[in-house]
Amino acid sequence: MLNDIKKILKINTEVEELFISKGLKKHLIKHKHYSVLKYFDKIEDIVNNPDYIGRNPNEGKTSFECVKILDKNLLVAVKLDLKKSYFYVASFYEITDSKLKKMLKSGRLKKLELDK
């Protein structure tokens, strides 16, 4: 799926590895993202099976976002570490329905539709 996301978002890199730091949980707690801690073990699945993908306009062209709708709207922010040649999960948090709609309306996110 990572290759599909890179192709759709025009991220030009051969990197295919996704790294989830052991320190990510501490980061989530520090930034008060408590509501997503119960989904921590689902991060890789969210990136591999997102409902929506897109880019944060304030980030570079080598980062992307994946959103999965479960009982909450979960956003995984992923960045590319060019020096170490891997993608890493930079953050993970819940977004409201209104935030999701705003992100879709602005074009920041789009529904992931793959040809099967």
C-alpha atoms as a PDB file:
ATOM      1  CA  MET A   1       0.000   0.000   0.000  1.00  0.00           C
ATOM      2  CA  LEU A   2       2.866   2.390   0.711  1.00  0.00           C
ATOM      3  CA  ASN A   3       3.847   2.215  -2.964  1.00  0.00           C
ATOM      4  CA  ASP A   4       0.268   3.057  -3.989  1.00  0.00           C
ATOM      5  CA  ILE A   5       0.215   6.056  -1.662  1.00  0.00           C
ATOM      6  CA  LYS A   6       3.581   7.272  -2.972  1.00  0.00           C
ATOM      7  CA  LYS A   7       2.343   6.947  -6.556  1.00  0.00           C
ATOM      8  CA  ILE A   8      -0.969   8.740  -5.924  1.00  0.00           C
ATOM      9  CA  LEU A   9       0.668  11.578  -3.977  1.00  0.00           C
ATOM     10  CA  LYS A  10       3.666  11.741  -6.344  1.00  0.00           C
ATOM     11  CA  ILE A  11       6.260  11.067  -3.655  1.00  0.00           C
ATOM     12  CA  ASN A  12       9.379  10.199  -5.621  1.00  0.00           C
ATOM     13  CA  THR A  13      11.417   7.771  -3.529  1.00  0.00           C
ATOM     14  CA  GLU A  14      12.328   4.103  -3.535  1.00  0.00           C
ATOM     15  CA  VAL A  15      11.877   3.891   0.255  1.00  0.00           C
ATOM     16  CA  GLU A  16       9.355   1.230   1.264  1.00  0.00           C
ATOM     17  CA  GLU A  17       9.934   0.825   5.016  1.00  0.00           C
ATOM     18  CA  LEU A  18       7.643   2.302   7.687  1.00  0.00           C
ATOM     19  CA  PHE A  19       9.172   2.791  11.131  1.00  0.00           C
ATOM     20  CA  ILE A  20       7.144   3.266  14.306  1.00  0.00           C
ATOM     21  CA  SER A  21       9.386   4.596  17.060  1.00  0.00           C
ATOM     22  CA  LYS A  22       9.226   3.175  20.562  1.00  0.00           C
ATOM     23  CA  GLY A  23       9.058   6.810  21.691  1.00  0.00           C
ATOM     24  CA  LEU A  24       5.859   7.507  19.760  1.00  0.00           C
ATOM     25  CA  LYS A  25       3.626   6.571  22.708  1.00  0.00           C
ATOM     26  CA  LYS A  26       5.474   9.090  24.904  1.00  0.00           C
ATOM     27  CA  HIS A  27       5.017  11.705  22.178  1.00  0.00           C
ATOM     28  CA  LEU A  28       1.271  11.018  22.051  1.00  0.00           C
ATOM     29  CA  ILE A  29       0.960  11.302  25.830  1.00  0.00           C
ATOM     30  CA  LYS A  30       3.052  14.491  25.925  1.00  0.00           C
ATOM     31  CA  HIS A  31       0.771  16.082  23.324  1.00  0.00           C
ATOM     32  CA  LYS A  32      -2.358  14.802  25.126  1.00  0.00           C
ATOM     33  CA  HIS A  33      -3.498  12.486  22.316  1.00  0.00           C
ATOM     34  CA  TYR A  34      -4.891  10.057  24.895  1.00  0.00           C
ATOM     35  CA  SER A  35      -7.928   9.117  22.811  1.00  0.00           C
ATOM     36  CA  VAL A  36      -5.794   7.267  20.232  1.00  0.00           C
ATOM     37  CA  LEU A  37      -3.663   5.216  22.605  1.00  0.00           C
ATOM     38  CA  LYS A  38      -6.060   2.256  22.415  1.00  0.00           C
ATOM     39  CA  TYR A  39      -5.500   2.221  18.623  1.00  0.00           C
ATOM     40  CA  PHE A  40      -1.702   2.330  18.854  1.00  0.00           C
ATOM     41  CA  ASP A  41      -1.322  -1.262  17.655  1.00  0.00           C
ATOM     42  CA  LYS A  42      -3.449  -0.450  14.580  1.00  0.00           C
ATOM     43  CA  ILE A  43      -1.140   2.250  13.181  1.00  0.00           C
ATOM     44  CA  GLU A  44       0.446   0.009  10.573  1.00  0.00           C
ATOM     45  CA  ASP A  45      -2.979  -1.238   9.488  1.00  0.00           C
ATOM     46  CA  ILE A  46      -4.244   2.354   9.200  1.00  0.00           C
ATOM     47  CA  VAL A  47      -1.331   3.245   6.908  1.00  0.00           C
ATOM     48  CA  ASN A  48      -1.820   0.067   4.875  1.00  0.00           C
ATOM     49  CA  ASN A  49      -5.618   0.434   4.612  1.00  0.00           C
ATOM     50  CA  PRO A  50      -6.554   4.119   4.908  1.00  0.00           C
ATOM     51  CA  ASP A  51      -9.922   5.536   3.950  1.00  0.00           C
ATOM     52  CA  TYR A  52      -8.371   8.872   2.981  1.00  0.00           C
ATOM     53  CA  ILE A  53      -4.872  10.075   2.112  1.00  0.00           C
ATOM     54  CA  GLY A  54      -3.373  13.476   1.609  1.00  0.00           C
ATOM     55  CA  ARG A  55      -0.692  15.969   2.416  1.00  0.00           C
ATOM     56  CA  ASN A  56      -0.260  18.598   5.080  1.00  0.00           C
ATOM     57  CA  PRO A  57       0.379  21.814   3.112  1.00  0.00           C
ATOM     58  CA  ASN A  58       2.811  22.973   5.814  1.00  0.00           C
ATOM     59  CA  GLU A  59       5.046  19.926   5.384  1.00  0.00           C
ATOM     60  CA  GLY A  60       7.403  18.992   2.588  1.00  0.00           C
ATOM     61  CA  LYS A  61       6.653  16.871  -0.424  1.00  0.00           C
ATOM     62  CA  THR A  62       7.917  13.748   1.321  1.00  0.00           C
ATOM     63  CA  SER A  63       5.246  13.546   4.011  1.00  0.00           C
ATOM     64  CA  PHE A  64       1.669  12.311   3.910  1.00  0.00           C
ATOM     65  CA  GLU A  65      -1.363  11.675   6.064  1.00  0.00           C
ATOM     66  CA  CYS A  66      -3.603   8.635   6.310  1.00  0.00           C
ATOM     67  CA  VAL A  67      -7.065   8.769   7.847  1.00  0.00           C
ATOM     68  CA  LYS A  68      -9.039   5.726   8.917  1.00  0.00           C
ATOM     69  CA  ILE A  69     -12.629   5.865  10.108  1.00  0.00           C
ATOM     70  CA  LEU A  70     -13.235   3.474  12.977  1.00  0.00           C
ATOM     71  CA  ASP A  71     -15.359   4.564  15.933  1.00  0.00           C
ATOM     72  CA  LYS A  72     -13.217   7.728  15.723  1.00  0.00           C
ATOM     73  CA  ASN A  73     -11.545   9.524  12.813  1.00  0.00           C
ATOM     74  CA  LEU A  74      -7.863   8.605  13.186  1.00  0.00           C
ATOM     75  CA  LEU A  75      -5.084  10.490  11.400  1.00  0.00           C
ATOM     76  CA  VAL A  76      -1.555   9.121  11.066  1.00  0.00           C
ATOM     77  CA  ALA A  77       1.068  11.663   9.980  1.00  0.00           C
ATOM     78  CA  VAL A  78       4.007  10.051   8.169  1.00  0.00           C
ATOM     79  CA  LYS A  79       7.314  11.656   7.183  1.00  0.00           C
ATOM     80  CA  LEU A  80      10.321  10.478   5.193  1.00  0.00           C
ATOM     81  CA  ASP A  81      13.742  10.427   6.810  1.00  0.00           C
ATOM     82  CA  LEU A  82      16.010  10.770   3.795  1.00  0.00           C
ATOM     83  CA  LYS A  83      19.221  10.230   5.773  1.00  0.00           C
ATOM     84  CA  LYS A  84      18.076   6.891   7.177  1.00  0.00           C
ATOM     85  CA  SER A  85      15.908   5.918   4.199  1.00  0.00           C
ATOM     86  CA  TYR A  86      12.621   5.106   5.910  1.00  0.00           C
ATOM     87  CA  PHE A  87       9.203   6.588   6.488  1.00  0.00           C
ATOM     88  CA  TYR A  88       8.319   7.153  10.125  1.00  0.00           C
ATOM     89  CA  VAL A  89       5.137   7.909  12.002  1.00  0.00           C
ATOM     90  CA  ALA A  90       5.511  11.506  13.190  1.00  0.00           C
ATOM     91  CA  SER A  91       2.162  11.744  14.962  1.00  0.00           C
ATOM     92  CA  PHE A  92      -1.179  10.040  15.468  1.00  0.00           C
ATOM     93  CA  TYR A  93      -4.346  11.778  16.607  1.00  0.00           C
ATOM     94  CA  GLU A  94      -8.104  11.984  16.387  1.00  0.00           C
ATOM     95  CA  ILE A  95      -9.851  14.501  14.159  1.00  0.00           C
ATOM     96  CA  THR A  96     -13.479  15.593  14.393  1.00  0.00           C
ATOM     97  CA  ASP A  97     -16.073  14.952  11.699  1.00  0.00           C
ATOM     98  CA  SER A  98     -16.101  18.668  10.899  1.00  0.00           C
ATOM     99  CA  LYS A  99     -12.301  18.733  10.567  1.00  0.00           C
ATOM    100  CA  LEU A 100     -12.451  15.722   8.242  1.00  0.00           C
ATOM    101  CA  LYS A 101     -15.107  17.408   6.097  1.00  0.00           C
ATOM    102  CA  LYS A 102     -13.050  20.609   5.960  1.00  0.00           C
ATOM    103  CA  MET A 103      -9.925  18.673   4.923  1.00  0.00           C
ATOM    104  CA  LEU A 104     -11.890  16.893   2.185  1.00  0.00           C
ATOM    105  CA  LYS A 105     -13.498  20.092   0.936  1.00  0.00           C
ATOM    106  CA  SER A 106     -10.130  21.886   0.749  1.00  0.00           C
ATOM    107  CA  GLY A 107      -8.575  18.987  -1.165  1.00  0.00           C
ATOM    108  CA  ARG A 108      -6.003  18.278   1.534  1.00  0.00           C
ATOM    109  CA  LEU A 109      -7.426  14.754   1.816  1.00  0.00           C
ATOM    110  CA  LYS A 110      -9.003  12.569  -0.810  1.00  0.00           C
ATOM    111  CA  LYS A 111     -10.807   9.250  -0.654  1.00  0.00           C
ATOM    112  CA  LEU A 112      -8.451   6.424  -1.459  1.00  0.00           C
ATOM    113  CA  GLU A 113      -9.772   4.554  -4.449  1.00  0.00           C
ATOM    114  CA  LEU A 114      -7.528   1.882  -5.889  1.00  0.00           C
ATOM    115  CA  ASP A 115      -8.073  -0.010  -9.098  1.00  0.00           C
ATOM    116  CA  LYS A 116      -8.508  -3.632  -8.114  1.00  0.00           C
END
